[in-house]
C-alpha cells in the first residue's frame, strides 16, 4: 500500500514536470505561478489543521485564567466589576 502511494506520487510529479517542459516560456511562468499558489494554499491548510488543536487548548487555558482573575479580588455592582486595585487612596488637593 505504502509503495503504491509513493509510486503514484512520483508518477504525478514526473507528469507535472513533463507538462512544464512542453510549455513555452510565458506559459511556463504562468504554470509556475499557479503551482506556487496551489502549494501555498495546500501548505497553509495543512498547517492550520496541524496547529488547530494546540491553538484551541491555548485559548481555553487563557479563558480559564481570565475567568479566575475576574472571580477574585473585586466587587460586582450589577453587571459592573470593580477590582480592588481601583480602590487606591485619594490624594488630598
C-alpha atoms as a PDB file:
ATOM      1  CA  UNK A   1       0.000   0.000   0.000  1.00  0.00           C
ATOM      2  CA  UNK A   2       2.693   2.467   1.030  1.00  0.00           C
ATOM      3  CA  UNK A   3       4.799   1.649  -2.027  1.00  0.00           C
ATOM      4  CA  UNK A   4       1.789   2.264  -4.269  1.00  0.00           C
ATOM      5  CA  UNK A   5       1.221   5.697  -2.754  1.00  0.00           C
ATOM      6  CA  UNK A   6       4.885   6.639  -3.168  1.00  0.00           C
ATOM      7  CA  UNK A   7       4.918   5.350  -6.761  1.00  0.00           C
ATOM      8  CA  UNK A   8       1.749   7.289  -7.598  1.00  0.00           C
ATOM      9  CA  UNK A   9       3.180  10.465  -6.083  1.00  0.00           C
ATOM     10  CA  UNK A  10       6.418  10.105  -8.067  1.00  0.00           C
ATOM     11  CA  UNK A  11       4.424   9.463 -11.259  1.00  0.00           C
ATOM     12  CA  UNK A  12       2.308  12.575 -10.648  1.00  0.00           C
ATOM     13  CA  UNK A  13       5.366  14.759 -10.048  1.00  0.00           C
ATOM     14  CA  UNK A  14       7.051  13.414 -13.195  1.00  0.00           C
ATOM     15  CA  UNK A  15       3.907  14.084 -15.262  1.00  0.00           C
ATOM     16  CA  UNK A  16       3.714  17.657 -13.926  1.00  0.00           C
ATOM     17  CA  UNK A  17       7.377  18.258 -14.757  1.00  0.00           C
ATOM     18  CA  UNK A  18       6.902  16.780 -18.249  1.00  0.00           C
ATOM     19  CA  UNK A  19       3.967  19.116 -18.895  1.00  0.00           C
ATOM     20  CA  UNK A  20       6.071  22.037 -17.654  1.00  0.00           C
ATOM     21  CA  UNK A  21       8.877  21.134 -20.087  1.00  0.00           C
ATOM     22  CA  UNK A  22       6.464  21.135 -23.030  1.00  0.00           C
ATOM     23  CA  UNK A  23       5.262  24.688 -22.303  1.00  0.00           C
ATOM     24  CA  UNK A  24       6.676  27.877 -23.742  1.00  0.00           C
ATOM     25  CA  UNK A  25       8.373  30.495 -21.610  1.00  0.00           C
ATOM     26  CA  UNK A  26       5.287  32.636 -20.936  1.00  0.00           C
ATOM     27  CA  UNK A  27       3.015  29.667 -20.241  1.00  0.00           C
ATOM     28  CA  UNK A  28       5.720  28.096 -18.048  1.00  0.00           C
ATOM     29  CA  UNK A  29       5.829  31.257 -15.933  1.00  0.00           C
ATOM     30  CA  UNK A  30       2.039  31.206 -15.587  1.00  0.00           C
ATOM     31  CA  UNK A  31       2.154  27.495 -14.750  1.00  0.00           C
ATOM     32  CA  UNK A  32       4.853  28.057 -12.106  1.00  0.00           C
ATOM     33  CA  UNK A  33       2.841  30.877 -10.561  1.00  0.00           C
ATOM     34  CA  UNK A  34      -0.276  28.703 -10.468  1.00  0.00           C
ATOM     35  CA  UNK A  35       1.627  25.806  -8.877  1.00  0.00           C
ATOM     36  CA  UNK A  36       3.105  28.150  -6.255  1.00  0.00           C
ATOM     37  CA  UNK A  37      -0.378  29.403  -5.371  1.00  0.00           C
ATOM     38  CA  UNK A  38      -1.712  25.850  -5.096  1.00  0.00           C
ATOM     39  CA  UNK A  39       1.248  24.793  -2.973  1.00  0.00           C
ATOM     40  CA  UNK A  40       0.823  27.805  -0.642  1.00  0.00           C
ATOM     41  CA  UNK A  41      -2.882  27.043  -0.291  1.00  0.00           C
ATOM     42  CA  UNK A  42      -2.220  23.369   0.424  1.00  0.00           C
ATOM     43  CA  UNK A  43       0.600  24.086   2.870  1.00  0.00           C
ATOM     44  CA  UNK A  44      -1.418  26.772   4.669  1.00  0.00           C
ATOM     45  CA  UNK A  45      -4.408  24.477   5.022  1.00  0.00           C
ATOM     46  CA  UNK A  46      -2.238  21.649   6.319  1.00  0.00           C
ATOM     47  CA  UNK A  47      -0.527  23.972   8.792  1.00  0.00           C
ATOM     48  CA  UNK A  48      -3.842  25.339  10.116  1.00  0.00           C
ATOM     49  CA  UNK A  49      -5.192  21.809  10.567  1.00  0.00           C
ATOM     50  CA  UNK A  50      -1.985  20.739  12.295  1.00  0.00           C
ATOM     51  CA  UNK A  51      -1.954  23.700  14.729  1.00  0.00           C
ATOM     52  CA  UNK A  52      -5.705  23.876  15.373  1.00  0.00           C
ATOM     53  CA  UNK A  53      -5.869  21.616  18.478  1.00  0.00           C
ATOM     54  CA  UNK A  54      -2.939  23.376  20.159  1.00  0.00           C
ATOM     55  CA  UNK A  55      -4.410  26.813  19.454  1.00  0.00           C
ATOM     56  CA  UNK A  56      -7.753  25.706  20.838  1.00  0.00           C
ATOM     57  CA  UNK A  57      -6.129  24.366  24.028  1.00  0.00           C
ATOM     58  CA  UNK A  58      -4.223  27.624  24.470  1.00  0.00           C
ATOM     59  CA  UNK A  59      -7.405  29.684  24.002  1.00  0.00           C
ATOM     60  CA  UNK A  60      -9.237  27.538  26.570  1.00  0.00           C
ATOM     61  CA  UNK A  61      -6.365  27.919  29.033  1.00  0.00           C
ATOM     62  CA  UNK A  62      -6.278  31.706  28.615  1.00  0.00           C
ATOM     63  CA  UNK A  63     -10.057  31.895  29.005  1.00  0.00           C
ATOM     64  CA  UNK A  64      -9.926  29.911  32.248  1.00  0.00           C
ATOM     65  CA  UNK A  65      -7.128  32.161  33.545  1.00  0.00           C
ATOM     66  CA  UNK A  66      -9.108  35.307  32.717  1.00  0.00           C
ATOM     67  CA  UNK A  67     -12.205  33.929  34.466  1.00  0.00           C
ATOM     68  CA  UNK A  68     -10.173  33.050  37.561  1.00  0.00           C
ATOM     69  CA  UNK A  69      -8.668  36.565  37.646  1.00  0.00           C
ATOM     70  CA  UNK A  70     -12.149  38.065  37.368  1.00  0.00           C
ATOM     71  CA  UNK A  71     -13.536  35.939  40.189  1.00  0.00           C
ATOM     72  CA  UNK A  72     -11.059  37.035  42.816  1.00  0.00           C
ATOM     73  CA  UNK A  73     -10.276  40.407  44.335  1.00  0.00           C
ATOM     74  CA  UNK A  74     -13.151  42.655  43.421  1.00  0.00           C
ATOM     75  CA  UNK A  75     -16.808  43.540  43.764  1.00  0.00           C
ATOM     76  CA  UNK A  76     -19.729  43.284  41.399  1.00  0.00           C
ATOM     77  CA  UNK A  77     -22.118  46.224  41.241  1.00  0.00           C
ATOM     78  CA  UNK A  78     -24.874  44.860  38.992  1.00  0.00           C
ATOM     79  CA  UNK A  79     -23.033  43.846  35.850  1.00  0.00           C
ATOM     80  CA  UNK A  80     -20.025  46.117  36.540  1.00  0.00           C
ATOM     81  CA  UNK A  81     -16.903  44.573  38.060  1.00  0.00           C
ATOM     82  CA  UNK A  82     -14.651  46.826  40.129  1.00  0.00           C
ATOM     83  CA  UNK A  83     -11.279  45.305  41.047  1.00  0.00           C
ATOM     84  CA  UNK A  84      -9.689  46.131  44.387  1.00  0.00           C
ATOM     85  CA  UNK A  85      -6.779  47.704  42.548  1.00  0.00           C
ATOM     86  CA  UNK A  86      -9.095  50.591  41.570  1.00  0.00           C
ATOM     87  CA  UNK A  87      -9.652  51.475  45.247  1.00  0.00           C
ATOM     88  CA  UNK A  88      -6.473  53.449  45.801  1.00  0.00           C
ATOM     89  CA  UNK A  89      -6.260  56.169  48.455  1.00  0.00           C
ATOM     90  CA  UNK A  90      -7.112  59.586  47.092  1.00  0.00           C
ATOM     91  CA  UNK A  91      -4.507  62.293  47.252  1.00  0.00           C
ATOM     92  CA  UNK A  92      -5.517  65.449  49.118  1.00  0.00           C
ATOM     93  CA  UNK A  93      -5.848  68.548  46.930  1.00  0.00           C
END
